[in-house]
Protein backbone atom coordinates (compact mmCIF):
# COMPACT_ATOMS: atom_id res chain seq x y z
CA MET A 1 -4.13 0.67 -13.48
CA VAL A 2 -2.98 3.60 -11.38
CA ASP A 3 -5.91 5.67 -12.66
CA SER A 4 -8.37 2.92 -11.68
CA LEU A 5 -6.93 2.68 -8.17
CA ASP A 6 -6.95 6.47 -7.82
CA ARG A 7 -10.63 6.55 -8.85
CA LEU A 8 -11.39 3.72 -6.43
CA TYR A 9 -9.58 5.60 -3.65
CA ALA A 10 -11.67 8.73 -4.36
CA ALA A 11 -14.85 6.62 -4.25
CA VAL A 12 -13.75 5.05 -0.94
CA LEU A 13 -13.18 8.50 0.56
CA ALA A 14 -16.61 9.58 -0.64
CA ALA A 15 -18.14 6.47 0.92
CA LYS A 16 -17.02 7.65 4.35
CA ARG A 17 -20.03 9.98 4.21
CA ALA A 18 -22.38 7.40 2.69
CA ASP A 19 -25.06 5.42 4.48
CA PRO A 20 -23.71 2.07 5.71
CA HIS A 21 -27.15 0.55 5.07
CA THR A 22 -26.91 1.24 1.35
CA SER A 23 -23.17 1.21 0.68
CA ARG A 24 -20.99 -1.86 1.18
CA THR A 25 -17.90 0.33 1.26
CA ALA A 26 -19.40 2.62 3.92
CA ARG A 27 -20.37 -0.43 5.96
CA LEU A 28 -16.82 -1.77 5.71
CA LEU A 29 -15.33 1.62 6.65
CA HIS A 30 -17.61 1.83 9.70
CA SER A 31 -16.70 -1.69 10.81
CA GLY A 32 -13.21 -0.65 11.96
CA ARG A 33 -9.68 -1.37 10.84
CA ALA A 34 -9.55 -4.84 12.42
CA LYS A 35 -12.50 -5.98 10.31
CA MET A 36 -11.03 -4.34 7.20
CA ALA A 37 -7.68 -6.06 7.80
CA LYS A 38 -9.45 -9.40 8.27
CA LYS A 39 -11.30 -8.95 4.97
CA LEU A 40 -8.03 -8.05 3.23
CA ALA A 41 -6.41 -11.21 4.60
CA GLU A 42 -9.37 -13.33 3.50
CA GLU A 43 -9.11 -11.98 -0.04
CA ALA A 44 -5.36 -12.62 -0.10
CA ILE A 45 -5.96 -16.21 0.95
CA GLU A 46 -8.58 -16.62 -1.77
CA VAL A 47 -6.07 -15.40 -4.37
CA ILE A 48 -3.53 -17.89 -3.05
CA ILE A 49 -5.98 -20.80 -3.14
CA ASP A 50 -7.10 -19.95 -6.66
CA ALA A 51 -3.49 -19.56 -7.80
CA MET A 52 -2.57 -22.98 -6.39
CA HIS A 53 -5.49 -24.62 -8.18
CA GLY A 54 -4.71 -22.96 -11.50
CA GLY A 55 -7.93 -21.00 -11.94
CA ARG A 56 -6.77 -18.00 -13.97
CA GLU A 57 -10.16 -16.26 -14.12
CA ALA A 58 -10.72 -16.84 -10.40
CA VAL A 59 -7.28 -15.34 -9.67
CA ILE A 60 -8.25 -12.25 -11.68
CA ARG A 61 -11.57 -11.82 -9.84
CA GLU A 62 -10.08 -12.41 -6.40
CA SER A 63 -7.16 -10.09 -7.18
CA ALA A 64 -9.63 -7.32 -7.97
CA ASP A 65 -11.34 -8.01 -4.63
CA LEU A 66 -7.95 -7.93 -2.91
CA LEU A 67 -7.11 -4.55 -4.43
CA TYR A 68 -10.54 -3.20 -3.44
CA HIS A 69 -10.03 -4.22 0.19
CA LEU A 70 -6.48 -2.85 0.20
CA VAL A 71 -7.69 0.53 -1.05
CA VAL A 72 -10.48 0.58 1.56
CA LEU A 73 -7.89 -0.06 4.27
CA TRP A 74 -5.69 2.70 2.81
CA GLY A 75 -8.65 5.07 2.97
CA ALA A 76 -9.31 4.22 6.60
CA ALA A 77 -5.63 4.52 7.51
CA GLY A 78 -5.15 7.84 5.72
CA VAL A 79 -2.74 6.34 3.19
CA ASN A 80 -2.91 8.03 -0.20
CA PRO A 81 -2.09 5.80 -3.19
CA LYS A 82 0.30 8.49 -4.45
CA ASP A 83 2.44 7.88 -1.35
CA VAL A 84 2.56 4.17 -2.16
CA TRP A 85 3.59 4.97 -5.75
CA LYS A 86 6.37 7.26 -4.40
CA GLU A 87 7.62 4.39 -2.24
CA MET A 88 7.54 2.07 -5.26
CA ASP A 89 9.58 4.63 -7.24
CA ARG A 90 12.09 4.93 -4.39
CA ARG A 91 12.51 1.16 -4.22
CA GLU A 92 12.92 0.93 -7.98
CA ARG A 93 15.77 3.45 -7.82
CA LEU A 94 17.45 1.41 -5.06
CA LEU A 95 16.94 -2.16 -6.27
CA GLY A 96 15.16 -2.26 -9.60
CA ILE A 97 11.48 -2.68 -10.33
CA ALA A 98 11.25 -6.43 -9.69
CA GLU A 99 12.96 -6.52 -6.30
CA LYS A 100 11.44 -6.29 -2.84
CA LEU A 101 13.24 -4.19 -0.27
CA PRO A 102 14.89 -6.49 2.30
CA LYS A 103 13.36 -6.21 5.79
CA ALA A 104 16.70 -5.82 7.58
CA ALA A 105 18.24 -3.33 5.15
CA PRO A 106 19.02 0.03 6.73
CA GLU A 107 17.92 3.13 4.90
CA PRO A 108 20.83 4.30 2.75
CA GLU A 109 21.97 7.83 3.52
CA PRO A 110 22.78 10.14 0.66
CA ARG A 111 26.54 10.70 0.41
CA ARG A 112 26.11 14.51 0.59
CA GLN A 113 24.78 14.31 4.15
CA ILE A 114 27.62 12.13 5.34
CA VAL A 115 30.26 14.49 3.90
CA ALA A 116 28.50 17.52 5.41
CA LEU A 117 28.35 15.88 8.84
CA GLU A 118 32.01 14.92 8.77
CA SER A 119 33.09 18.42 7.80
CA ARG A 120 31.10 19.82 10.77
CA ARG A 121 32.85 17.40 13.10
CA LEU A 122 36.26 18.53 11.84
CA HIS A 123 35.36 22.19 12.46
CA LYS A 124 34.20 21.42 16.01
CA ARG A 125 37.45 19.63 16.90
CA ARG A 126 39.61 22.62 15.99
């Protein structure tokens, strides 16, 4: 899947130079982030509706549309999929693969930094 999203991302970046009259992706990119975000939200709602009504094939199709619109928004926002994968890896190390990072959780500091800071404070007090 990662390879497919990486190829889609490359195609989205290439579409920035394409003619909006002939490329749907170029047209979407030229429409602005607000329009792209609206399309992403619409696709998410369609996935939700299809999931509630039990249409497996429809969920698959709408999920592909959702991923397409997400990648287009990433391209417009300058977000590289590799950075998203790094964040997923970081979260997996913290909480496990199937957990979402809590909104209110502070970023944990590595223990090395805390020890180094405390030793500097001790030296300054002397």
